[in-house]
C-alpha atoms as a PDB file:
ATOM      1  CA  MET A   1      82.233 -90.872-123.500  1.00  0.00           C
ATOM      2  CA  VAL A   2      80.883 -87.455-124.459  1.00  0.00           C
ATOM      3  CA  ARG A   3      81.769 -84.325-122.529  1.00  0.00           C
ATOM      4  CA  ASN A   4      80.433 -80.818-122.939  1.00  0.00           C
ATOM      5  CA  ASP A   5      80.885 -77.536-121.164  1.00  0.00           C
ATOM      6  CA  GLY A   6      78.305 -75.190-119.755  1.00  0.00           C
ATOM      7  CA  ARG A   7      77.034 -74.009-116.434  1.00  0.00           C
ATOM      8  CA  ILE A   8      77.747 -75.867-113.216  1.00  0.00           C
ATOM      9  CA  LEU A   9      75.098 -78.538-112.671  1.00  0.00           C
ATOM     10  CA  ASP A  10      73.654 -79.863-109.445  1.00  0.00           C
ATOM     11  CA  ALA A  11      73.960 -83.660-109.125  1.00  0.00           C
ATOM     12  CA  ALA A  12      70.255 -83.959-108.225  1.00  0.00           C
ATOM     13  CA  ARG A  13      69.320 -82.195-111.458  1.00  0.00           C
ATOM     14  CA  VAL A  14      71.619 -84.415-113.511  1.00  0.00           C
ATOM     15  CA  ARG A  15      69.641 -87.463-112.353  1.00  0.00           C
ATOM     16  CA  THR A  16      66.520 -86.004-114.001  1.00  0.00           C
ATOM     17  CA  PHE A  17      68.190 -85.755-117.423  1.00  0.00           C
ATOM     18  CA  VAL A  18      67.037 -89.286-118.328  1.00  0.00           C
ATOM     19  CA  GLU A  19      63.392 -88.382-117.699  1.00  0.00           C
ATOM     20  CA  PRO A  20      61.736 -87.440-120.995  1.00  0.00           C
ATOM     21  CA  PHE A  21      60.528 -83.849-121.330  1.00  0.00           C
ATOM     22  CA  ALA A  22      61.173 -82.953-117.665  1.00  0.00           C
ATOM     23  CA  LYS A  23      61.115 -79.308-116.571  1.00  0.00           C
ATOM     24  CA  ASP A  24      62.333 -77.732-113.373  1.00  0.00           C
ATOM     25  CA  ARG A  25      60.478 -75.149-111.322  1.00  0.00           C
ATOM     26  CA  TYR A  26      61.938 -72.360-113.469  1.00  0.00           C
ATOM     27  CA  GLY A  27      60.695 -73.845-116.732  1.00  0.00           C
ATOM     28  CA  ALA A  28      64.111 -75.028-117.889  1.00  0.00           C
ATOM     29  CA  GLY A  29      64.052 -78.542-119.185  1.00  0.00           C
ATOM     30  CA  HIS A  30      65.320 -81.113-121.620  1.00  0.00           C
ATOM     31  CA  GLY A  31      63.911 -83.390-124.256  1.00  0.00           C
ATOM     32  CA  LEU A  32      63.958 -87.023-125.176  1.00  0.00           C
ATOM     33  CA  GLY A  33      67.596 -87.644-126.164  1.00  0.00           C
ATOM     34  CA  LEU A  34      69.124 -89.045-122.976  1.00  0.00           C
ATOM     35  CA  ALA A  35      65.954 -91.008-122.179  1.00  0.00           C
ATOM     36  CA  LEU A  36      66.326 -92.767-125.541  1.00  0.00           C
ATOM     37  CA  VAL A  37      70.042 -93.348-125.019  1.00  0.00           C
ATOM     38  CA  ARG A  38      69.384 -94.864-121.588  1.00  0.00           C
ATOM     39  CA  ARG A  39      66.741 -97.238-122.981  1.00  0.00           C
ATOM     40  CA  ILE A  40      68.928 -98.362-125.888  1.00  0.00           C
ATOM     41  CA  VAL A  41      71.831 -98.990-123.529  1.00  0.00           C
ATOM     42  CA  GLU A  42      69.585-100.962-121.128  1.00  0.00           C
ATOM     43  CA  VAL A  43      68.329-103.171-123.981  1.00  0.00           C
ATOM     44  CA  HIS A  44      71.972-104.070-124.628  1.00  0.00           C
ATOM     45  CA  HIS A  45      72.545-104.828-120.916  1.00  0.00           C
ATOM     46  CA  GLY A  46      74.718-101.774-120.398  1.00  0.00           C
ATOM     47  CA  ARG A  47      74.491 -98.639-118.342  1.00  0.00           C
ATOM     48  CA  LEU A  48      74.504 -94.900-118.914  1.00  0.00           C
ATOM     49  CA  GLU A  49      76.547 -92.855-116.459  1.00  0.00           C
ATOM     50  CA  LEU A  50      75.956 -89.116-116.212  1.00  0.00           C
ATOM     51  CA  ALA A  51      78.213 -86.863-114.169  1.00  0.00           C
ATOM     52  CA  ALA A  52      78.327 -83.127-113.676  1.00  0.00           C
ATOM     53  CA  ASN A  53      81.758 -81.745-114.505  1.00  0.00           C
ATOM     54  CA  PRO A  54      83.336 -79.750-111.660  1.00  0.00           C
ATOM     55  CA  ASP A  55      84.036 -76.850-114.041  1.00  0.00           C
ATOM     56  CA  GLY A  56      80.560 -76.964-115.624  1.00  0.00           C
ATOM     57  CA  GLY A  57      78.792 -79.097-118.178  1.00  0.00           C
ATOM     58  CA  LEU A  58      78.161 -82.818-118.283  1.00  0.00           C
ATOM     59  CA  THR A  59      79.973 -86.048-119.069  1.00  0.00           C
ATOM     60  CA  ALA A  60      77.911 -88.956-120.415  1.00  0.00           C
ATOM     61  CA  THR A  61      79.500 -92.414-120.548  1.00  0.00           C
ATOM     62  CA  VAL A  62      77.965 -95.545-122.074  1.00  0.00           C
ATOM     63  CA  VAL A  63      79.256 -98.821-120.645  1.00  0.00           C
ATOM     64  CA  LEU A  64      78.387-101.981-122.593  1.00  0.00           C
ATOM     65  CA  PRO A  65      79.294-105.584-121.787  1.00  0.00           C
ATOM     66  CA  GLU A  66      81.908-107.314-123.883  1.00  0.00           C
ATOM     67  CA  LEU A  67      80.575-109.502-126.668  1.00  0.00           C
ATOM     68  CA  GLU A  68      81.225-113.220-126.500  1.00  0.00           C
ATOM     69  CA  SER A  69      83.005-114.709-129.507  1.00  0.00           C
END
């Protein structure tokens, strides 16, 4: 899990963070990082969970399946 601080984020905007090079109507955007993380996690049959923190910022959690021995 990785957590940062920052401005308060709208949940609908958080969902776009896994889209590469997306920009909103004001020109603010993001790059490729979370799109790559999501794809790597999917290849390993896991999931990426993104959640806006109530006090601002974002929490990103990677959930991977347990390995069989």
